[in-house]
C-alpha atoms as a PDB file:
ATOM      1  CA  MET A   1      -1.639 -54.638  46.832  1.00  0.00           C
ATOM      2  CA  ASP A   2       1.138 -52.998  48.670  1.00  0.00           C
ATOM      3  CA  LEU A   3       4.567 -53.013  46.689  1.00  0.00           C
ATOM      4  CA  ASN A   4       6.704 -52.376  49.667  1.00  0.00           C
ATOM      5  CA  LEU A   5       5.407 -55.602  51.259  1.00  0.00           C
ATOM      6  CA  TYR A   6       5.916 -58.030  47.959  1.00  0.00           C
ATOM      7  CA  PHE A   7       9.719 -56.543  47.755  1.00  0.00           C
ATOM      8  CA  LYS A   8       9.911 -55.838  51.357  1.00  0.00           C
ATOM      9  CA  GLY A   9      14.465 -56.233  52.315  1.00  0.00           C
ATOM     10  CA  ASN A  10      15.018 -56.266  48.547  1.00  0.00           C
ATOM     11  CA  SER A  11      14.645 -53.214  46.959  1.00  0.00           C
ATOM     12  CA  ASN A  12      16.864 -54.739  44.370  1.00  0.00           C
ATOM     13  CA  GLN A  13      14.444 -57.001  43.339  1.00  0.00           C
ATOM     14  CA  PHE A  14      11.880 -53.891  43.118  1.00  0.00           C
ATOM     15  CA  HIS A  15      14.370 -52.060  41.250  1.00  0.00           C
ATOM     16  CA  ARG A  16      14.692 -54.334  38.684  1.00  0.00           C
ATOM     17  CA  HIS A  17      10.754 -55.170  38.233  1.00  0.00           C
ATOM     18  CA  MET A  18      10.922 -51.416  37.375  1.00  0.00           C
ATOM     19  CA  LYS A  19      13.339 -51.090  35.136  1.00  0.00           C
ATOM     20  CA  LEU A  20      12.205 -54.068  33.203  1.00  0.00           C
ATOM     21  CA  ILE A  21       8.595 -51.893  33.300  1.00  0.00           C
ATOM     22  CA  PHE A  22       9.835 -48.788  32.015  1.00  0.00           C
ATOM     23  CA  ALA A  23      11.457 -50.275  29.065  1.00  0.00           C
ATOM     24  CA  ILE A  24       8.385 -52.747  27.925  1.00  0.00           C
ATOM     25  CA  ILE A  25       7.078 -49.284  27.485  1.00  0.00           C
ATOM     26  CA  PHE A  26       9.587 -47.145  26.038  1.00  0.00           C
ATOM     27  CA  LEU A  27       9.479 -50.290  23.408  1.00  0.00           C
ATOM     28  CA  PHE A  28       5.559 -50.250  22.962  1.00  0.00           C
ATOM     29  CA  VAL A  29       6.059 -46.750  22.244  1.00  0.00           C
ATOM     30  CA  PHE A  30       9.174 -46.409  20.313  1.00  0.00           C
ATOM     31  CA  SER A  31       7.690 -49.040  17.947  1.00  0.00           C
ATOM     32  CA  HIS A  32       4.442 -47.996  17.471  1.00  0.00           C
ATOM     33  CA  CYS A  33       5.869 -44.173  16.663  1.00  0.00           C
ATOM     34  CA  SER A  34       8.658 -45.989  14.357  1.00  0.00           C
ATOM     35  CA  THR A  35       5.513 -48.057  12.688  1.00  0.00           C
ATOM     36  CA  CYS A  36       2.808 -44.839  12.072  1.00  0.00           C
ATOM     37  CA  ASN A  37       3.300 -41.839  10.830  1.00  0.00           C
ATOM     38  CA  CYS A  38       3.051 -39.552  14.218  1.00  0.00           C
ATOM     39  CA  GLY A  39       3.329 -35.627  13.241  1.00  0.00           C
ATOM     40  CA  LYS A  40       2.494 -35.826   9.703  1.00  0.00           C
ATOM     41  CA  GLY A  41      -0.298 -35.062   7.718  1.00  0.00           C
ATOM     42  CA  LYS A  42      -2.205 -37.206   5.412  1.00  0.00           C
ATOM     43  CA  ASN A  43      -1.426 -34.321   2.463  1.00  0.00           C
ATOM     44  CA  SER A  44       3.132 -34.220   3.945  1.00  0.00           C
ATOM     45  CA  GLN A  45       3.850 -36.298   1.070  1.00  0.00           C
ATOM     46  CA  SER A  46       1.959 -34.063  -1.574  1.00  0.00           C
ATOM     47  CA  SER A  47       3.408 -31.124   0.325  1.00  0.00           C
ATOM     48  CA  ASP A  48       6.615 -31.982   0.527  1.00  0.00           C
ATOM     49  CA  ALA A  49       6.684 -32.378  -3.521  1.00  0.00           C
ATOM     50  CA  GLY A  50       4.743 -29.385  -4.044  1.00  0.00           C
ATOM     51  CA  TYR A  51       7.542 -27.176  -1.113  1.00  0.00           C
ATOM     52  CA  GLU A  52      10.441 -28.948  -3.597  1.00  0.00           C
ATOM     53  CA  ASN A  53       8.701 -27.649  -7.010  1.00  0.00           C
ATOM     54  CA  LEU A  54       7.891 -24.178  -5.306  1.00  0.00           C
ATOM     55  CA  GLN A  55      12.114 -23.860  -4.417  1.00  0.00           C
ATOM     56  CA  LYS A  56      12.941 -24.721  -8.349  1.00  0.00           C
ATOM     57  CA  ILE A  57      10.100 -22.571  -9.618  1.00  0.00           C
ATOM     58  CA  SER A  58      11.811 -19.773  -7.356  1.00  0.00           C
ATOM     59  CA  LYS A  59      15.542 -20.563  -7.717  1.00  0.00           C
ATOM     60  CA  GLU A  60      14.555 -20.731 -11.870  1.00  0.00           C
ATOM     61  CA  LYS A  61      12.929 -17.213 -11.867  1.00  0.00           C
ATOM     62  CA  TYR A  62      15.298 -15.356  -9.343  1.00  0.00           C
ATOM     63  CA  GLY A  63      18.281 -17.419  -8.692  1.00  0.00           C
ATOM     64  CA  ASP A  64      19.563 -17.539  -5.309  1.00  0.00           C
ATOM     65  CA  ALA A  65      18.159 -13.852  -4.490  1.00  0.00           C
ATOM     66  CA  PHE A  66      14.174 -15.055  -3.288  1.00  0.00           C
ATOM     67  CA  VAL A  67      12.683 -14.540  -0.026  1.00  0.00           C
ATOM     68  CA  MET A  68       9.149 -16.420   0.499  1.00  0.00           C
ATOM     69  CA  ASN A  69       6.370 -15.567   3.270  1.00  0.00           C
ATOM     70  CA  ALA A  70       3.508 -17.881   3.659  1.00  0.00           C
ATOM     71  CA  ASN A  71      -0.259 -17.045   4.437  1.00  0.00           C
ATOM     72  CA  GLU A  72      -1.324 -17.737   8.051  1.00  0.00           C
ATOM     73  CA  SER A  73      -2.762 -20.932   6.720  1.00  0.00           C
ATOM     74  CA  LYS A  74       0.653 -21.872   4.277  1.00  0.00           C
ATOM     75  CA  ASP A  75      -1.370 -23.334   1.797  1.00  0.00           C
ATOM     76  CA  LEU A  76       0.004 -20.100  -0.520  1.00  0.00           C
ATOM     77  CA  TYR A  77       3.612 -18.992  -0.830  1.00  0.00           C
ATOM     78  CA  LEU A  78       4.266 -15.088  -2.017  1.00  0.00           C
ATOM     79  CA  VAL A  79       7.792 -14.685  -3.267  1.00  0.00           C
ATOM     80  CA  THR A  80       9.865 -11.736  -3.888  1.00  0.00           C
ATOM     81  CA  ASP A  81      13.015 -11.435  -5.665  1.00  0.00           C
ATOM     82  CA  PHE A  82      15.432  -9.609  -3.005  1.00  0.00           C
ATOM     83  CA  MET A  83      16.782  -6.265  -3.854  1.00  0.00           C
ATOM     84  CA  LYS A  84      20.214  -6.406  -4.187  1.00  0.00           C
ATOM     85  CA  SER A  85      20.763  -2.432  -3.196  1.00  0.00           C
ATOM     86  CA  ALA A  86      18.483   0.467  -2.398  1.00  0.00           C
ATOM     87  CA  THR A  87      18.854   2.107  -6.004  1.00  0.00           C
ATOM     88  CA  GLU A  88      17.090  -1.120  -7.627  1.00  0.00           C
ATOM     89  CA  LEU A  89      13.058  -0.645  -6.424  1.00  0.00           C
ATOM     90  CA  SER A  90      11.014  -2.762  -8.231  1.00  0.00           C
ATOM     91  CA  ILE A  91       9.446  -5.724  -7.050  1.00  0.00           C
ATOM     92  CA  LYS A  92       8.694  -9.181  -8.837  1.00  0.00           C
ATOM     93  CA  PHE A  93       6.683 -11.542  -7.505  1.00  0.00           C
ATOM     94  CA  PHE A  94       4.244 -14.493  -7.994  1.00  0.00           C
ATOM     95  CA  VAL A  95       2.091 -16.141  -5.258  1.00  0.00           C
ATOM     96  CA  TYR A  96       2.579 -19.781  -5.095  1.00  0.00           C
ATOM     97  CA  ASN A  97      -0.282 -22.732  -4.332  1.00  0.00           C
ATOM     98  CA  ILE A  98       1.725 -25.513  -2.913  1.00  0.00           C
ATOM     99  CA  LYS A  99      -2.119 -27.943  -2.844  1.00  0.00           C
ATOM    100  CA  SER A 100      -2.509 -27.385  -7.089  1.00  0.00           C
ATOM    101  CA  GLY A 101       1.207 -26.783  -7.454  1.00  0.00           C
ATOM    102  CA  LYS A 102       0.407 -23.385  -9.481  1.00  0.00           C
ATOM    103  CA  ILE A 103       1.389 -20.155  -9.736  1.00  0.00           C
ATOM    104  CA  VAL A 104      -1.904 -17.956  -9.437  1.00  0.00           C
ATOM    105  CA  LEU A 105      -0.701 -14.885  -9.320  1.00  0.00           C
ATOM    106  CA  GLU A 106       2.560 -12.958 -11.186  1.00  0.00           C
ATOM    107  CA  ASP A 107       3.073  -9.145 -11.447  1.00  0.00           C
ATOM    108  CA  PHE A 108       5.729  -6.253 -11.409  1.00  0.00           C
ATOM    109  CA  ILE A 109       5.626  -2.956  -9.466  1.00  0.00           C
ATOM    110  CA  SER A 110       8.216  -0.184  -9.960  1.00  0.00           C
ATOM    111  CA  SER A 111       8.177   0.383  -6.526  1.00  0.00           C
ATOM    112  CA  GLY A 112       6.525  -0.489  -3.521  1.00  0.00           C
ATOM    113  CA  SER A 113       6.034  -3.092  -1.115  1.00  0.00           C
ATOM    114  CA  VAL A 114       3.884  -6.969  -1.374  1.00  0.00           C
ATOM    115  CA  LYS A 115       2.788  -8.166   2.128  1.00  0.00           C
ATOM    116  CA  TRP A 116       0.234 -10.692   2.942  1.00  0.00           C
ATOM    117  CA  ALA A 117      -2.894  -8.788   4.526  1.00  0.00           C
ATOM    118  CA  ASP A 118      -4.719 -11.601   5.847  1.00  0.00           C
ATOM    119  CA  LYS A 119      -5.233 -15.421   5.455  1.00  0.00           C
ATOM    120  CA  TYR A 120      -6.123 -14.664   1.751  1.00  0.00           C
ATOM    121  CA  LEU A 121      -5.530 -11.581   0.778  1.00  0.00           C
ATOM    122  CA  LEU A 122      -2.634 -10.142  -0.990  1.00  0.00           C
ATOM    123  CA  ASP A 123      -1.424  -6.395  -0.183  1.00  0.00           C
ATOM    124  CA  VAL A 124       0.069  -4.988  -3.466  1.00  0.00           C
ATOM    125  CA  GLN A 125       1.216  -1.087  -2.439  1.00  0.00           C
ATOM    126  CA  ILE A 126       2.464   1.057  -5.061  1.00  0.00           C
ATOM    127  CA  HIS A 127       4.852   4.010  -4.486  1.00  0.00           C
ATOM    128  CA  PRO A 128       3.814   6.586  -7.666  1.00  0.00           C
ATOM    129  CA  GLY A 129       6.891   8.266  -8.607  1.00  0.00           C
ATOM    130  CA  THR A 130       5.674  11.591  -9.824  1.00  0.00           C
ATOM    131  CA  ILE A 131       2.083  12.352  -8.797  1.00  0.00           C
ATOM    132  CA  GLN A 132       0.252  14.336 -10.944  1.00  0.00           C
ATOM    133  CA  LYS A 133      -2.260  17.249  -9.831  1.00  0.00           C
ATOM    134  CA  ASN A 134      -4.238  17.124 -12.887  1.00  0.00           C
ATOM    135  CA  ASN A 135      -4.496  12.788 -13.018  1.00  0.00           C
ATOM    136  CA  PRO A 136      -6.702  11.771  -9.547  1.00  0.00           C
ATOM    137  CA  LYS A 137      -6.373   8.356 -10.726  1.00  0.00           C
ATOM    138  CA  THR A 138      -2.174   7.413  -9.728  1.00  0.00           C
ATOM    139  CA  ASP A 139      -2.268   4.165  -9.098  1.00  0.00           C
ATOM    140  CA  ILE A 140      -1.438   3.539  -5.444  1.00  0.00           C
ATOM    141  CA  GLY A 141      -2.144  -0.319  -5.630  1.00  0.00           C
ATOM    142  CA  TYR A 142      -4.012  -3.385  -5.195  1.00  0.00           C
ATOM    143  CA  PHE A 143      -5.571  -5.852  -2.975  1.00  0.00           C
ATOM    144  CA  TYR A 144      -5.572  -9.415  -4.406  1.00  0.00           C
ATOM    145  CA  ASN A 145      -8.686 -11.995  -3.008  1.00  0.00           C
ATOM    146  CA  PHE A 146      -7.532 -15.267  -3.351  1.00  0.00           C
ATOM    147  CA  GLU A 147     -10.625 -16.674  -2.474  1.00  0.00           C
ATOM    148  CA  THR A 148     -12.462 -14.966  -4.897  1.00  0.00           C
ATOM    149  CA  ASN A 149      -9.819 -14.145  -7.294  1.00  0.00           C
ATOM    150  CA  GLN A 150     -10.434 -11.136  -7.646  1.00  0.00           C
ATOM    151  CA  LYS A 151      -8.114  -7.596  -7.790  1.00  0.00           C
ATOM    152  CA  ILE A 152      -9.428  -5.108  -5.753  1.00  0.00           C
ATOM    153  CA  THR A 153      -8.429  -1.839  -6.183  1.00  0.00           C
ATOM    154  CA  LYS A 154      -7.741   0.642  -3.658  1.00  0.00           C
END
């Protein structure tokens, strides 16, 4: 059926009908999205609570001076204290599992860096102060694998 023949000579009636059709479609889509959990995952409420708990623990440990970095899958968070000056080289950090709501690793290094090397692999680099010639076992850091819960020395 050709709509031009149906509404021939009365374009105002055509526009009114089109507005009505668009209004009905809009109301249907809007009412559907407001009654379902559009865009929310199954665990969004629990992960929201886990994230709030993570922020609470971070503030208890480091005050307002902390940095949070999620791993690739956003189920583990690396939280480090924020360095206040260039003379403070030490780093306190912990890794929090958002699903279990627990700290799975906590450590302190006097000088170095901590970052995600991979999805479940944490790279902890320790910058040694004075390197001794006769001591080849200078600790330069470790990797921590959260899939196997193993600490791997470098």
